[in-house]
Amino acid sequence: MGWVWILISGKRCSGKDCVAEMIYDELHESLSTSFALALKRECADTHKLDFNRLLNDRTYKEENRMMLIEHGRNMRAQEQSYWVRKTYEYFNDINWPVIVSDHRFRNESGWLMEQPGVRVVSIRVTATDRTRAERGWSSNPSIDNDQSETDLDNSVSDYIIANNGSRADLLQSVQRVLLQISQYT
């Protein structure tokens, strides 16, 4: 599939990580990451947080989400593409597809498209509020209305995957998208 960056966006609890895992499992030779990985590592160091819990403990991550948002915003104010650049630098000499499970800002895809030899594919994962609530989401306007949750709301994605059904339904949708992507890479 070559050097393609697959950027996955969607609201909290829509299934972005699940879609990323399925794509990773289907492609075999690929890398899965998030722009927030660098953010979480930096926040853990700066604010004395538990890095592993930020990665693996949903409750802990939600308790610290506003701090993560603020730190991310502060660094983007200094350099708009700070997090995408840090992620790209880490993977810039690997010729496998890179799956990013947390595409949140328009400039992220724009910055990557400017890099030589990079093809960007965007996938938007959608789910109803009811489905998201069943997965642990609860409305929090200070988070849900933040730019990190809304910047891509009206943007056009290459593919949209609705995630309101079973895991098998989701896998079928992911496989259809990957088949289409493979025809153009």
N, C-alpha and C. Protein backbone atom coordinates (compact mmCIF):
# COMPACT_ATOMS: atom_id res chain seq x y z
N MET A 1 0.83 -1.20 0.00
CA MET A 1 0.00 0.00 0.00
C MET A 1 0.87 1.25 0.00
N GLY A 2 2.17 1.11 0.29
CA GLY A 2 3.05 2.27 0.21
C GLY A 2 2.91 3.20 1.40
N TRP A 3 3.44 4.40 1.23
CA TRP A 3 3.48 5.34 2.34
C TRP A 3 2.24 6.21 2.35
N VAL A 4 1.22 5.68 2.96
CA VAL A 4 -0.05 6.39 3.09
C VAL A 4 -0.30 6.61 4.57
N TRP A 5 -0.82 7.77 4.88
CA TRP A 5 -1.23 8.08 6.25
C TRP A 5 -2.75 8.01 6.27
N ILE A 6 -3.30 7.11 7.06
CA ILE A 6 -4.74 6.94 7.19
C ILE A 6 -5.16 7.68 8.46
N LEU A 7 -5.87 8.78 8.29
CA LEU A 7 -6.27 9.63 9.40
C LEU A 7 -7.72 9.35 9.75
N ILE A 8 -7.98 8.96 10.98
CA ILE A 8 -9.32 8.59 11.44
C ILE A 8 -9.83 9.67 12.38
N SER A 9 -11.01 10.20 12.05
CA SER A 9 -11.63 11.23 12.89
C SER A 9 -13.01 10.77 13.33
N GLY A 10 -13.55 11.44 14.32
CA GLY A 10 -14.88 11.15 14.82
C GLY A 10 -15.03 11.69 16.23
N LYS A 11 -16.23 11.73 16.70
CA LYS A 11 -16.53 12.22 18.05
C LYS A 11 -16.04 11.22 19.10
N ARG A 12 -15.97 11.68 20.34
CA ARG A 12 -15.60 10.79 21.44
C ARG A 12 -16.54 9.59 21.47
N CYS A 13 -16.00 8.42 21.68
CA CYS A 13 -16.75 7.15 21.79
C CYS A 13 -17.45 6.76 20.50
N SER A 14 -16.99 7.27 19.36
CA SER A 14 -17.58 6.87 18.09
C SER A 14 -16.99 5.56 17.57
N GLY A 15 -15.81 5.20 18.07
CA GLY A 15 -15.17 3.96 17.64
C GLY A 15 -13.90 4.17 16.83
N LYS A 16 -13.28 5.33 16.94
CA LYS A 16 -12.05 5.61 16.17
C LYS A 16 -10.96 4.58 16.46
N ASP A 17 -10.72 4.30 17.74
CA ASP A 17 -9.67 3.35 18.10
C ASP A 17 -10.00 1.94 17.59
N CYS A 18 -11.24 1.57 17.66
CA CYS A 18 -11.66 0.25 17.17
C CYS A 18 -11.42 0.14 15.66
N VAL A 19 -11.78 1.18 14.92
CA VAL A 19 -11.55 1.18 13.47
C VAL A 19 -10.05 1.12 13.19
N ALA A 20 -9.26 1.88 13.93
CA ALA A 20 -7.81 1.86 13.75
C ALA A 20 -7.25 0.46 14.00
N GLU A 21 -7.72 -0.20 15.05
CA GLU A 21 -7.27 -1.57 15.35
C GLU A 21 -7.64 -2.53 14.23
N MET A 22 -8.85 -2.39 13.70
CA MET A 22 -9.28 -3.27 12.61
C MET A 22 -8.44 -3.04 11.36
N ILE A 23 -8.16 -1.80 11.03
CA ILE A 23 -7.33 -1.50 9.87
C ILE A 23 -5.93 -2.09 10.07
N TYR A 24 -5.38 -1.89 11.25
CA TYR A 24 -4.06 -2.44 11.57
C TYR A 24 -4.06 -3.96 11.40
N ASP A 25 -5.06 -4.63 11.93
CA ASP A 25 -5.15 -6.09 11.83
C ASP A 25 -5.29 -6.55 10.38
N GLU A 26 -6.03 -5.80 9.57
CA GLU A 26 -6.25 -6.17 8.18
C GLU A 26 -5.01 -5.94 7.31
N LEU A 27 -4.25 -4.90 7.59
CA LEU A 27 -3.11 -4.55 6.73
C LEU A 27 -1.85 -5.36 7.02
N HIS A 28 -1.72 -5.88 8.20
CA HIS A 28 -0.57 -6.68 8.63
C HIS A 28 0.70 -5.85 8.73
N GLU A 29 1.19 -5.27 7.64
CA GLU A 29 2.38 -4.44 7.69
C GLU A 29 1.96 -2.98 7.72
N SER A 30 1.78 -2.45 8.90
CA SER A 30 1.37 -1.06 9.08
C SER A 30 1.74 -0.65 10.50
N LEU A 31 1.59 0.62 10.77
CA LEU A 31 1.85 1.15 12.10
C LEU A 31 0.61 1.89 12.56
N SER A 32 0.29 1.77 13.83
CA SER A 32 -0.86 2.45 14.40
C SER A 32 -0.38 3.38 15.50
N THR A 33 -0.83 4.63 15.45
CA THR A 33 -0.41 5.62 16.43
C THR A 33 -1.51 6.65 16.59
N SER A 34 -1.20 7.69 17.34
CA SER A 34 -2.11 8.82 17.48
C SER A 34 -1.27 10.08 17.64
N PHE A 35 -1.81 11.19 17.19
CA PHE A 35 -1.13 12.46 17.41
C PHE A 35 -1.05 12.74 18.92
N ALA A 36 -2.02 12.23 19.66
CA ALA A 36 -2.06 12.47 21.11
C ALA A 36 -1.00 11.68 21.88
N LEU A 37 -0.36 10.71 21.25
CA LEU A 37 0.66 9.95 21.96
C LEU A 37 1.77 10.87 22.44
N ALA A 38 2.25 11.74 21.57
CA ALA A 38 3.29 12.70 21.97
C ALA A 38 2.75 13.67 23.02
N LEU A 39 1.51 14.10 22.84
CA LEU A 39 0.87 15.00 23.80
C LEU A 39 0.80 14.35 25.18
N LYS A 40 0.35 13.12 25.24
CA LYS A 40 0.20 12.43 26.52
C LYS A 40 1.56 12.22 27.19
N ARG A 41 2.56 11.89 26.39
CA ARG A 41 3.90 11.70 26.96
C ARG A 41 4.41 13.03 27.53
N GLU A 42 4.26 14.09 26.77
CA GLU A 42 4.72 15.40 27.22
C GLU A 42 3.95 15.86 28.46
N CYS A 43 2.64 15.66 28.48
CA CYS A 43 1.83 16.05 29.64
C CYS A 43 2.18 15.22 30.86
N ALA A 44 2.42 13.95 30.68
CA ALA A 44 2.80 13.10 31.80
C ALA A 44 4.09 13.61 32.43
N ASP A 45 5.06 13.96 31.60
CA ASP A 45 6.33 14.48 32.10
C ASP A 45 6.16 15.84 32.77
N THR A 46 5.43 16.74 32.10
CA THR A 46 5.29 18.12 32.57
C THR A 46 4.43 18.22 33.82
N HIS A 47 3.33 17.47 33.85
CA HIS A 47 2.34 17.59 34.93
C HIS A 47 2.38 16.43 35.92
N LYS A 48 3.42 15.59 35.80
CA LYS A 48 3.60 14.46 36.73
C LYS A 48 2.39 13.52 36.74
N LEU A 49 1.92 13.17 35.55
CA LEU A 49 0.81 12.22 35.42
C LEU A 49 1.35 10.84 35.06
N ASP A 50 0.50 9.84 35.20
CA ASP A 50 0.86 8.47 34.87
C ASP A 50 0.63 8.25 33.37
N PHE A 51 1.71 8.16 32.61
CA PHE A 51 1.62 8.02 31.15
C PHE A 51 0.82 6.78 30.76
N ASN A 52 1.10 5.64 31.39
CA ASN A 52 0.39 4.41 31.04
C ASN A 52 -1.11 4.52 31.32
N ARG A 53 -1.48 5.18 32.40
CA ARG A 53 -2.91 5.37 32.69
C ARG A 53 -3.55 6.31 31.66
N LEU A 54 -2.82 7.32 31.21
CA LEU A 54 -3.36 8.20 30.16
C LEU A 54 -3.64 7.41 28.88
N LEU A 55 -2.84 6.38 28.64
CA LEU A 55 -3.03 5.54 27.45
C LEU A 55 -4.14 4.51 27.62
N ASN A 56 -4.25 3.93 28.81
CA ASN A 56 -5.07 2.73 28.98
C ASN A 56 -6.26 2.84 29.91
N ASP A 57 -6.39 3.92 30.63
CA ASP A 57 -7.46 4.07 31.62
C ASP A 57 -8.39 5.20 31.18
N ARG A 58 -9.54 4.83 30.62
CA ARG A 58 -10.47 5.82 30.06
C ARG A 58 -10.90 6.85 31.11
N THR A 59 -11.19 6.40 32.33
CA THR A 59 -11.63 7.31 33.38
C THR A 59 -10.53 8.32 33.71
N TYR A 60 -9.31 7.83 33.86
CA TYR A 60 -8.17 8.71 34.16
C TYR A 60 -7.96 9.72 33.02
N LYS A 61 -8.06 9.24 31.78
CA LYS A 61 -7.89 10.13 30.63
C LYS A 61 -8.99 11.20 30.62
N GLU A 62 -10.22 10.81 30.89
CA GLU A 62 -11.33 11.77 30.92
C GLU A 62 -11.15 12.78 32.05
N GLU A 63 -10.65 12.33 33.21
CA GLU A 63 -10.40 13.24 34.33
C GLU A 63 -9.35 14.30 33.97
N ASN A 64 -8.45 13.96 33.08
CA ASN A 64 -7.37 14.86 32.69
C ASN A 64 -7.55 15.46 31.30
N ARG A 65 -8.69 15.23 30.68
CA ARG A 65 -8.91 15.66 29.30
C ARG A 65 -8.76 17.17 29.13
N MET A 66 -9.32 17.97 30.03
CA MET A 66 -9.22 19.43 29.87
C MET A 66 -7.77 19.89 29.95
N MET A 67 -6.97 19.27 30.81
CA MET A 67 -5.56 19.61 30.89
C MET A 67 -4.84 19.22 29.60
N LEU A 68 -5.18 18.06 29.04
CA LEU A 68 -4.60 17.64 27.77
C LEU A 68 -4.98 18.61 26.65
N ILE A 69 -6.25 19.01 26.64
CA ILE A 69 -6.72 19.97 25.64
C ILE A 69 -5.96 21.28 25.76
N GLU A 70 -5.83 21.78 26.98
CA GLU A 70 -5.13 23.06 27.19
C GLU A 70 -3.66 22.98 26.78
N HIS A 71 -3.00 21.90 27.17
CA HIS A 71 -1.58 21.76 26.82
C HIS A 71 -1.43 21.65 25.30
N GLY A 72 -2.29 20.85 24.68
CA GLY A 72 -2.25 20.73 23.22
C GLY A 72 -2.48 22.06 22.54
N ARG A 73 -3.45 22.80 23.03
CA ARG A 73 -3.77 24.13 22.48
C ARG A 73 -2.60 25.09 22.64
N ASN A 74 -1.97 25.08 23.82
CA ASN A 74 -0.83 25.97 24.07
C ASN A 74 0.33 25.68 23.12
N MET A 75 0.61 24.41 22.88
CA MET A 75 1.72 24.07 21.98
C MET A 75 1.35 24.41 20.52
N ARG A 76 0.08 24.19 20.15
CA ARG A 76 -0.35 24.56 18.78
C ARG A 76 -0.34 26.06 18.59
N ALA A 77 -0.53 26.83 19.66
CA ALA A 77 -0.46 28.29 19.55
C ALA A 77 0.96 28.73 19.21
N GLN A 78 1.94 27.99 19.69
CA GLN A 78 3.34 28.29 19.38
C GLN A 78 3.72 27.80 17.99
N GLU A 79 3.20 26.64 17.61
CA GLU A 79 3.44 26.05 16.29
C GLU A 79 2.22 25.22 15.92
N GLN A 80 1.47 25.66 14.95
CA GLN A 80 0.18 25.04 14.63
C GLN A 80 0.28 23.54 14.38
N SER A 81 1.34 23.09 13.75
CA SER A 81 1.48 21.67 13.41
C SER A 81 2.41 20.92 14.35
N TYR A 82 2.54 21.41 15.56
CA TYR A 82 3.48 20.83 16.52
C TYR A 82 3.30 19.31 16.68
N TRP A 83 2.09 18.85 16.95
CA TRP A 83 1.87 17.43 17.25
C TRP A 83 1.97 16.56 16.01
N VAL A 84 1.47 17.04 14.89
CA VAL A 84 1.56 16.25 13.66
C VAL A 84 3.03 16.17 13.22
N ARG A 85 3.77 17.25 13.38
CA ARG A 85 5.18 17.23 13.02
C ARG A 85 5.95 16.25 13.89
N LYS A 86 5.69 16.25 15.20
CA LYS A 86 6.39 15.33 16.10
C LYS A 86 6.09 13.87 15.71
N THR A 87 4.84 13.59 15.36
CA THR A 87 4.46 12.23 14.95
C THR A 87 5.14 11.87 13.63
N TYR A 88 5.09 12.77 12.67
CA TYR A 88 5.70 12.54 11.36
C TYR A 88 7.21 12.29 11.51
N GLU A 89 7.88 13.08 12.31
CA GLU A 89 9.32 12.91 12.49
C GLU A 89 9.65 11.53 13.05
N TYR A 90 8.79 11.01 13.87
CA TYR A 90 9.02 9.69 14.45
C TYR A 90 8.92 8.59 13.39
N PHE A 91 8.01 8.77 12.41
CA PHE A 91 7.76 7.72 11.41
C PHE A 91 8.24 8.08 10.00
N ASN A 92 8.99 9.16 9.83
CA ASN A 92 9.25 9.67 8.49
C ASN A 92 10.12 8.79 7.61
N ASP A 93 10.79 7.79 8.13
CA ASP A 93 11.60 6.94 7.27
C ASP A 93 11.07 5.51 7.20
N ILE A 94 9.81 5.34 7.50
CA ILE A 94 9.17 4.02 7.44
C ILE A 94 8.23 4.00 6.25
N ASN A 95 8.30 2.96 5.44
CA ASN A 95 7.50 2.91 4.21
C ASN A 95 6.29 1.98 4.36
N TRP A 96 5.64 2.04 5.49
CA TRP A 96 4.41 1.29 5.72
C TRP A 96 3.28 2.27 5.95
N PRO A 97 2.05 1.85 5.74
CA PRO A 97 0.93 2.73 6.08
C PRO A 97 0.96 3.09 7.57
N VAL A 98 0.69 4.35 7.86
CA VAL A 98 0.61 4.83 9.23
C VAL A 98 -0.86 5.16 9.51
N ILE A 99 -1.40 4.52 10.52
CA ILE A 99 -2.80 4.70 10.90
C ILE A 99 -2.83 5.61 12.12
N VAL A 100 -3.53 6.73 11.99
CA VAL A 100 -3.62 7.70 13.08
C VAL A 100 -5.06 7.73 13.57
N SER A 101 -5.27 7.37 14.82
CA SER A 101 -6.63 7.18 15.35
C SER A 101 -7.28 8.43 15.91
N ASP A 102 -6.61 9.58 15.81
CA ASP A 102 -7.18 10.77 16.44
C ASP A 102 -6.99 12.04 15.62
N HIS A 103 -7.36 11.97 14.37
CA HIS A 103 -7.31 13.17 13.51
C HIS A 103 -8.36 14.16 14.03
N ARG A 104 -7.93 15.35 14.46
CA ARG A 104 -8.83 16.31 15.09
C ARG A 104 -8.86 17.68 14.42
N PHE A 105 -7.79 18.04 13.70
CA PHE A 105 -7.70 19.39 13.15
C PHE A 105 -7.40 19.36 11.65
N ARG A 106 -7.98 20.30 10.93
CA ARG A 106 -7.79 20.37 9.48
C ARG A 106 -6.32 20.51 9.10
N ASN A 107 -5.57 21.29 9.86
CA ASN A 107 -4.18 21.53 9.49
C ASN A 107 -3.34 20.24 9.55
N GLU A 108 -3.78 19.23 10.31
CA GLU A 108 -3.00 18.00 10.41
C GLU A 108 -2.89 17.32 9.05
N SER A 109 -4.02 17.14 8.38
CA SER A 109 -3.97 16.51 7.06
C SER A 109 -3.28 17.43 6.06
N GLY A 110 -3.51 18.73 6.17
CA GLY A 110 -2.87 19.68 5.26
C GLY A 110 -1.35 19.64 5.37
N TRP A 111 -0.84 19.60 6.59
CA TRP A 111 0.60 19.55 6.80
C TRP A 111 1.17 18.27 6.22
N LEU A 112 0.50 17.14 6.46
CA LEU A 112 1.00 15.86 5.94
C LEU A 112 0.99 15.84 4.41
N MET A 113 -0.04 16.42 3.79
CA MET A 113 -0.12 16.43 2.33
C MET A 113 1.01 17.23 1.70
N GLU A 114 1.60 18.12 2.46
CA GLU A 114 2.72 18.92 1.96
C GLU A 114 4.04 18.16 1.99
N GLN A 115 4.07 17.01 2.66
CA GLN A 115 5.31 16.26 2.78
C GLN A 115 5.52 15.39 1.54
N PRO A 116 6.76 15.36 1.02
CA PRO A 116 7.04 14.61 -0.21
C PRO A 116 6.71 13.12 -0.07
N GLY A 117 6.01 12.59 -1.05
CA GLY A 117 5.73 11.16 -1.10
C GLY A 117 4.63 10.66 -0.19
N VAL A 118 3.96 11.55 0.51
CA VAL A 118 2.92 11.13 1.46
C VAL A 118 1.55 11.23 0.79
N ARG A 119 0.77 10.17 0.91
CA ARG A 119 -0.63 10.19 0.50
C ARG A 119 -1.47 10.14 1.76
N VAL A 120 -2.46 11.03 1.85
CA VAL A 120 -3.33 11.09 3.03
C VAL A 120 -4.71 10.59 2.66
N VAL A 121 -5.25 9.69 3.47
CA VAL A 121 -6.61 9.19 3.32
C VAL A 121 -7.33 9.49 4.64
N SER A 122 -8.48 10.15 4.55
CA SER A 122 -9.22 10.49 5.76
C SER A 122 -10.48 9.63 5.88
N ILE A 123 -10.71 9.14 7.08
CA ILE A 123 -11.88 8.31 7.38
C ILE A 123 -12.58 8.95 8.58
N ARG A 124 -13.87 9.22 8.42
CA ARG A 124 -14.68 9.76 9.52
C ARG A 124 -15.54 8.63 10.06
N VAL A 125 -15.46 8.40 11.37
CA VAL A 125 -16.27 7.39 12.04
C VAL A 125 -17.42 8.11 12.71
N THR A 126 -18.64 7.68 12.43
CA THR A 126 -19.81 8.29 13.03
C THR A 126 -20.55 7.27 13.89
N ALA A 127 -21.26 7.78 14.88
CA ALA A 127 -22.12 6.96 15.73
C ALA A 127 -23.16 7.89 16.34
N THR A 128 -24.34 7.37 16.57
CA THR A 128 -25.38 8.17 17.20
C THR A 128 -25.01 8.47 18.65
N ASP A 129 -25.61 9.50 19.21
CA ASP A 129 -25.37 9.80 20.62
C ASP A 129 -25.77 8.62 21.51
N ARG A 130 -26.82 7.94 21.15
CA ARG A 130 -27.26 6.78 21.93
C ARG A 130 -26.19 5.69 21.93
N THR A 131 -25.66 5.39 20.76
CA THR A 131 -24.60 4.39 20.65
C THR A 131 -23.37 4.83 21.43
N ARG A 132 -23.00 6.09 21.30
CA ARG A 132 -21.84 6.61 22.02
C ARG A 132 -22.05 6.51 23.53
N ALA A 133 -23.27 6.81 24.00
CA ALA A 133 -23.58 6.73 25.43
C ALA A 133 -23.44 5.28 25.92
N GLU A 134 -23.84 4.33 25.09
CA GLU A 134 -23.69 2.92 25.46
C GLU A 134 -22.22 2.53 25.62
N ARG A 135 -21.33 3.29 25.00
CA ARG A 135 -19.89 3.05 25.07
C ARG A 135 -19.21 3.87 26.16
N GLY A 136 -19.99 4.63 26.93
CA GLY A 136 -19.42 5.38 28.04
C GLY A 136 -19.38 6.88 27.86
N TRP A 137 -19.86 7.39 26.74
CA TRP A 137 -19.86 8.83 26.50
C TRP A 137 -20.98 9.49 27.29
N SER A 138 -20.69 10.64 27.84
CA SER A 138 -21.73 11.49 28.40
C SER A 138 -21.42 12.91 27.97
N SER A 139 -22.45 13.66 27.70
CA SER A 139 -22.29 15.02 27.20
C SER A 139 -21.55 15.89 28.21
N ASN A 140 -20.57 16.61 27.71
CA ASN A 140 -19.82 17.57 28.51
C ASN A 140 -19.51 18.74 27.59
N PRO A 141 -20.34 19.79 27.62
CA PRO A 141 -20.18 20.90 26.67
C PRO A 141 -18.79 21.52 26.65
N SER A 142 -18.10 21.60 27.78
CA SER A 142 -16.76 22.20 27.77
C SER A 142 -15.78 21.35 26.97
N ILE A 143 -16.03 20.07 26.85
CA ILE A 143 -15.19 19.19 26.03
C ILE A 143 -15.78 19.06 24.63
N ASP A 144 -17.08 18.75 24.56
CA ASP A 144 -17.72 18.47 23.28
C ASP A 144 -17.75 19.66 22.33
N ASN A 145 -17.70 20.88 22.86
CA ASN A 145 -17.73 22.08 22.02
C ASN A 145 -16.34 22.66 21.79
N ASP A 146 -15.30 22.01 22.32
CA ASP A 146 -13.95 22.48 22.11
C ASP A 146 -13.55 22.27 20.65
N GLN A 147 -12.67 23.12 20.17
CA GLN A 147 -12.22 23.02 18.78
C GLN A 147 -11.65 21.63 18.47
N SER A 148 -11.04 20.99 19.45
CA SER A 148 -10.47 19.66 19.23
C SER A 148 -11.55 18.62 18.93
N GLU A 149 -12.79 18.92 19.29
CA GLU A 149 -13.91 18.01 19.00
C GLU A 149 -14.75 18.48 17.82
N THR A 150 -14.59 19.73 17.39
CA THR A 150 -15.50 20.27 16.37
C THR A 150 -14.83 20.73 15.08
N ASP A 151 -13.52 20.84 15.05
CA ASP A 151 -12.84 21.42 13.88
C ASP A 151 -13.14 20.68 12.58
N LEU A 152 -13.35 19.38 12.65
CA LEU A 152 -13.58 18.59 11.44
C LEU A 152 -15.06 18.32 11.17
N ASP A 153 -15.96 18.91 11.96
CA ASP A 153 -17.39 18.62 11.82
C ASP A 153 -17.92 18.86 10.40
N ASN A 154 -17.49 19.91 9.75
CA ASN A 154 -18.02 20.23 8.42
C ASN A 154 -17.01 19.97 7.31
N SER A 155 -15.96 19.24 7.62
CA SER A 155 -14.97 18.94 6.59
C SER A 155 -15.39 17.69 5.83
N VAL A 156 -14.81 17.53 4.67
CA VAL A 156 -15.12 16.38 3.82
C VAL A 156 -14.06 15.32 4.04
N SER A 157 -14.50 14.10 4.31
CA SER A 157 -13.59 12.97 4.48
C SER A 157 -13.63 12.11 3.23
N ASP A 158 -12.56 11.38 2.99
CA ASP A 158 -12.53 10.47 1.84
C ASP A 158 -13.54 9.34 2.01
N TYR A 159 -13.71 8.88 3.26
CA TYR A 159 -14.62 7.78 3.56
C TYR A 159 -15.34 8.07 4.88
N ILE A 160 -16.58 7.61 4.98
CA ILE A 160 -17.35 7.71 6.22
C ILE A 160 -17.78 6.30 6.60
N ILE A 161 -17.53 5.94 7.84
CA ILE A 161 -17.93 4.63 8.36
C ILE A 161 -18.90 4.87 9.50
N ALA A 162 -20.13 4.40 9.34
CA ALA A 162 -21.13 4.48 10.41
C ALA A 162 -20.91 3.29 11.35
N ASN A 163 -20.82 3.58 12.63
CA ASN A 163 -20.51 2.56 13.62
C ASN A 163 -21.62 2.48 14.67
N ASN A 164 -22.77 1.99 14.25
CA ASN A 164 -23.91 1.84 15.16
C ASN A 164 -24.35 0.39 15.30
N GLY A 165 -23.70 -0.51 14.58
CA GLY A 165 -24.13 -1.90 14.58
C GLY A 165 -23.16 -2.79 15.34
N SER A 166 -23.06 -4.00 14.85
CA SER A 166 -22.21 -5.00 15.50
C SER A 166 -20.75 -4.82 15.08
N ARG A 167 -19.89 -5.50 15.79
CA ARG A 167 -18.47 -5.49 15.44
C ARG A 167 -18.27 -6.09 14.04
N ALA A 168 -19.05 -7.12 13.71
CA ALA A 168 -18.94 -7.74 12.39
C ALA A 168 -19.35 -6.75 11.30
N ASP A 169 -20.40 -5.97 11.55
CA ASP A 169 -20.81 -4.94 10.58
C ASP A 169 -19.69 -3.91 10.38
N LEU A 170 -19.09 -3.52 11.48
CA LEU A 170 -18.01 -2.54 11.41
C LEU A 170 -16.83 -3.09 10.62
N LEU A 171 -16.47 -4.34 10.87
CA LEU A 171 -15.36 -4.96 10.15
C LEU A 171 -15.64 -5.00 8.64
N GLN A 172 -16.87 -5.32 8.27
CA GLN A 172 -17.23 -5.32 6.84
C GLN A 172 -17.04 -3.93 6.23
N SER A 173 -17.45 -2.91 6.95
CA SER A 173 -17.29 -1.53 6.46
C SER A 173 -15.81 -1.19 6.31
N VAL A 174 -15.02 -1.56 7.28
CA VAL A 174 -13.57 -1.30 7.23
C VAL A 174 -12.95 -2.03 6.05
N GLN A 175 -13.32 -3.28 5.84
CA GLN A 175 -12.77 -4.05 4.72
C GLN A 175 -13.15 -3.43 3.37
N ARG A 176 -14.38 -2.93 3.24
CA ARG A 176 -14.79 -2.26 1.99
C ARG A 176 -13.95 -1.01 1.73
N VAL A 177 -13.73 -0.23 2.78
CA VAL A 177 -12.92 0.99 2.63
C VAL A 177 -11.49 0.62 2.26
N LEU A 178 -10.91 -0.37 2.90
CA LEU A 178 -9.53 -0.76 2.60
C LEU A 178 -9.40 -1.27 1.17
N LEU A 179 -10.41 -1.97 0.69
CA LEU A 179 -10.38 -2.45 -0.71
C LEU A 179 -10.37 -1.25 -1.65
N GLN A 180 -11.17 -0.25 -1.37
CA GLN A 180 -11.19 0.95 -2.22
C GLN A 180 -9.86 1.70 -2.15
N ILE A 181 -9.31 1.83 -0.95
CA ILE A 181 -8.02 2.51 -0.79
C ILE A 181 -6.93 1.80 -1.56
N SER A 182 -6.90 0.46 -1.50
CA SER A 182 -5.84 -0.31 -2.14
C SER A 182 -5.86 -0.17 -3.66
N GLN A 183 -7.00 0.17 -4.23
CA GLN A 183 -7.10 0.33 -5.67
C GLN A 183 -6.42 1.61 -6.15
N TYR A 184 -6.18 2.55 -5.23
CA TYR A 184 -5.62 3.84 -5.61
C TYR A 184 -4.23 4.08 -5.05
N THR A 185 -3.64 3.07 -4.41
CA THR A 185 -2.29 3.28 -3.86
C THR A 185 -1.29 2.38 -4.53
